[in-house]
């Protein structure tokens, strides 16, 4: 947990837990998926977290 997250947690009077989800999807699905995550992940009136979207330039298998 970063210092900013600790300060926010202290000010909010609650313990913040952090979850990271990594998804790979087609470009056409990005808006729908990020909308679902933002609705489901909201836990109050303030910003509850962030959704980062970035392209995958290459995916390579390990081993095999």
N, C-alpha and C. Protein backbone atom coordinates (compact mmCIF):
# COMPACT_ATOMS: atom_id res chain seq x y z
N UNK A 1 0.86 -1.17 0.00
CA UNK A 1 0.00 0.00 0.00
C UNK A 1 0.90 1.23 0.00
N UNK A 2 0.60 2.18 -0.87
CA UNK A 2 1.41 3.38 -0.98
C UNK A 2 1.08 4.35 0.16
N UNK A 3 1.92 5.38 0.31
CA UNK A 3 1.70 6.38 1.35
C UNK A 3 0.38 7.12 1.12
N UNK A 4 0.05 7.44 -0.13
CA UNK A 4 -1.21 8.10 -0.44
C UNK A 4 -2.40 7.23 -0.03
N UNK A 5 -2.30 5.92 -0.32
CA UNK A 5 -3.37 5.00 0.06
C UNK A 5 -3.50 4.90 1.57
N UNK A 6 -2.39 4.90 2.29
CA UNK A 6 -2.43 4.86 3.75
C UNK A 6 -3.08 6.11 4.31
N UNK A 7 -2.73 7.28 3.74
CA UNK A 7 -3.33 8.53 4.19
C UNK A 7 -4.83 8.53 3.93
N UNK A 8 -5.24 8.09 2.74
CA UNK A 8 -6.65 8.03 2.40
C UNK A 8 -7.38 7.09 3.35
N UNK A 9 -6.77 5.93 3.62
CA UNK A 9 -7.37 4.95 4.51
C UNK A 9 -7.57 5.53 5.90
N UNK A 10 -6.58 6.28 6.38
CA UNK A 10 -6.67 6.89 7.70
C UNK A 10 -7.76 7.95 7.73
N UNK A 11 -7.80 8.81 6.71
CA UNK A 11 -8.81 9.86 6.66
C UNK A 11 -10.21 9.29 6.51
N UNK A 12 -10.35 8.22 5.75
CA UNK A 12 -11.66 7.62 5.51
C UNK A 12 -12.12 6.79 6.70
N UNK A 13 -11.19 6.43 7.58
CA UNK A 13 -11.54 5.64 8.75
C UNK A 13 -11.81 4.19 8.42
N UNK A 14 -11.20 3.69 7.38
CA UNK A 14 -11.39 2.29 7.00
C UNK A 14 -10.11 1.73 6.42
N UNK A 15 -10.04 0.42 6.38
CA UNK A 15 -8.89 -0.24 5.79
C UNK A 15 -9.18 -0.46 4.31
N UNK A 16 -8.23 -0.07 3.49
CA UNK A 16 -8.38 -0.22 2.05
C UNK A 16 -7.68 -1.51 1.62
N UNK A 17 -8.41 -2.33 0.91
CA UNK A 17 -7.76 -3.51 0.32
C UNK A 17 -7.66 -3.25 -1.18
N UNK A 18 -6.62 -3.76 -1.75
CA UNK A 18 -6.36 -3.51 -3.16
C UNK A 18 -6.45 -4.82 -3.93
N UNK A 19 -7.14 -4.76 -5.06
CA UNK A 19 -7.28 -5.93 -5.92
C UNK A 19 -6.83 -5.53 -7.31
N UNK A 20 -6.08 -6.41 -7.94
CA UNK A 20 -5.66 -6.16 -9.32
C UNK A 20 -6.24 -7.27 -10.18
N UNK A 21 -6.91 -6.85 -11.24
CA UNK A 21 -7.47 -7.79 -12.21
C UNK A 21 -6.85 -7.46 -13.56
N UNK A 22 -6.32 -8.47 -14.22
CA UNK A 22 -5.77 -8.27 -15.56
C UNK A 22 -6.65 -9.02 -16.55
N UNK A 23 -7.15 -8.30 -17.54
CA UNK A 23 -8.00 -8.91 -18.57
C UNK A 23 -7.44 -8.59 -19.94
N UNK A 24 -7.62 -9.50 -20.86
CA UNK A 24 -7.25 -9.27 -22.25
C UNK A 24 -8.52 -9.41 -23.06
N UNK A 25 -8.80 -8.42 -23.90
CA UNK A 25 -10.01 -8.46 -24.70
C UNK A 25 -9.77 -7.77 -26.05
N UNK A 26 -10.72 -7.90 -26.92
CA UNK A 26 -10.68 -7.22 -28.21
C UNK A 26 -10.94 -5.73 -28.00
N UNK A 27 -10.39 -4.90 -28.86
CA UNK A 27 -10.57 -3.44 -28.75
C UNK A 27 -12.05 -3.05 -28.69
N UNK A 28 -12.88 -3.74 -29.43
CA UNK A 28 -14.30 -3.41 -29.49
C UNK A 28 -15.01 -3.66 -28.15
N UNK A 29 -14.42 -4.47 -27.26
CA UNK A 29 -15.02 -4.81 -25.98
C UNK A 29 -14.59 -3.90 -24.83
N UNK A 30 -13.61 -3.05 -25.06
CA UNK A 30 -13.02 -2.24 -23.98
C UNK A 30 -14.06 -1.38 -23.26
N UNK A 31 -14.86 -0.63 -23.99
CA UNK A 31 -15.85 0.26 -23.35
C UNK A 31 -16.83 -0.51 -22.49
N UNK A 32 -17.34 -1.62 -23.00
CA UNK A 32 -18.32 -2.41 -22.25
C UNK A 32 -17.70 -2.99 -20.98
N UNK A 33 -16.52 -3.54 -21.09
CA UNK A 33 -15.86 -4.16 -19.95
C UNK A 33 -15.48 -3.13 -18.89
N UNK A 34 -14.93 -2.00 -19.31
CA UNK A 34 -14.55 -0.98 -18.32
C UNK A 34 -15.79 -0.39 -17.63
N UNK A 35 -16.89 -0.28 -18.34
CA UNK A 35 -18.13 0.20 -17.72
C UNK A 35 -18.61 -0.77 -16.65
N UNK A 36 -18.58 -2.05 -16.93
CA UNK A 36 -18.99 -3.07 -15.95
C UNK A 36 -18.10 -3.01 -14.72
N UNK A 37 -16.79 -2.95 -14.91
CA UNK A 37 -15.86 -2.91 -13.78
C UNK A 37 -16.08 -1.67 -12.94
N UNK A 38 -16.27 -0.52 -13.59
CA UNK A 38 -16.45 0.74 -12.85
C UNK A 38 -17.74 0.74 -12.05
N UNK A 39 -18.80 0.14 -12.57
CA UNK A 39 -20.06 0.06 -11.82
C UNK A 39 -19.95 -0.91 -10.66
N UNK A 40 -19.40 -2.09 -10.92
CA UNK A 40 -19.31 -3.13 -9.89
C UNK A 40 -18.29 -2.79 -8.80
N UNK A 41 -17.26 -2.04 -9.15
CA UNK A 41 -16.20 -1.73 -8.20
C UNK A 41 -16.43 -0.51 -7.35
N UNK A 42 -17.49 0.22 -7.62
CA UNK A 42 -17.77 1.45 -6.87
C UNK A 42 -18.20 1.11 -5.44
N UNK A 43 -17.56 1.74 -4.45
CA UNK A 43 -17.89 1.44 -3.06
C UNK A 43 -18.29 2.68 -2.28
N UNK A 44 -18.58 3.75 -2.94
CA UNK A 44 -18.99 4.97 -2.23
C UNK A 44 -19.07 6.14 -3.18
N UNK A 45 -19.29 7.33 -2.64
CA UNK A 45 -19.46 8.51 -3.49
C UNK A 45 -18.16 9.03 -4.10
N UNK A 46 -17.03 8.65 -3.53
CA UNK A 46 -15.74 9.14 -4.02
C UNK A 46 -15.11 8.14 -4.99
N UNK A 47 -13.98 8.49 -5.54
CA UNK A 47 -13.25 7.59 -6.42
C UNK A 47 -12.87 6.34 -5.63
N UNK A 48 -13.23 5.18 -6.15
CA UNK A 48 -12.98 3.91 -5.46
C UNK A 48 -11.75 3.19 -6.00
N UNK A 49 -11.19 3.67 -7.07
CA UNK A 49 -10.04 3.02 -7.68
C UNK A 49 -9.90 3.48 -9.11
N UNK A 50 -9.09 2.77 -9.86
CA UNK A 50 -8.80 3.17 -11.23
C UNK A 50 -8.83 1.96 -12.14
N UNK A 51 -9.26 2.17 -13.37
CA UNK A 51 -9.17 1.15 -14.42
C UNK A 51 -8.16 1.67 -15.42
N UNK A 52 -7.11 0.90 -15.62
CA UNK A 52 -6.08 1.27 -16.59
C UNK A 52 -6.29 0.43 -17.84
N UNK A 53 -6.24 1.08 -18.99
CA UNK A 53 -6.40 0.39 -20.27
C UNK A 53 -5.13 0.63 -21.08
N UNK A 54 -4.54 -0.45 -21.55
CA UNK A 54 -3.33 -0.30 -22.36
C UNK A 54 -3.30 -1.41 -23.41
N UNK A 55 -2.68 -1.13 -24.54
CA UNK A 55 -2.60 -2.14 -25.60
C UNK A 55 -1.59 -3.23 -25.24
N UNK A 56 -1.81 -4.38 -25.80
CA UNK A 56 -0.83 -5.47 -25.70
C UNK A 56 -0.18 -5.56 -27.07
N UNK A 57 1.08 -5.23 -27.12
CA UNK A 57 1.79 -5.24 -28.40
C UNK A 57 2.22 -6.65 -28.81
N UNK A 58 2.46 -7.47 -27.80
CA UNK A 58 2.94 -8.82 -28.09
C UNK A 58 2.68 -9.71 -26.89
N UNK A 59 2.30 -10.96 -27.15
CA UNK A 59 2.12 -11.96 -26.10
C UNK A 59 2.87 -13.22 -26.51
N UNK A 60 3.78 -13.64 -25.68
CA UNK A 60 4.62 -14.80 -26.01
C UNK A 60 4.49 -15.86 -24.94
N UNK A 61 4.41 -17.13 -25.33
CA UNK A 61 4.33 -18.20 -24.34
C UNK A 61 5.68 -18.40 -23.64
N UNK A 62 5.61 -18.92 -22.45
CA UNK A 62 6.82 -19.27 -21.70
C UNK A 62 6.96 -20.79 -21.77
N UNK A 63 8.15 -21.26 -22.14
CA UNK A 63 8.37 -22.70 -22.23
C UNK A 63 7.67 -23.30 -23.43
N UNK A 64 7.32 -24.56 -23.30
CA UNK A 64 6.56 -25.24 -24.34
C UNK A 64 7.39 -25.64 -25.45
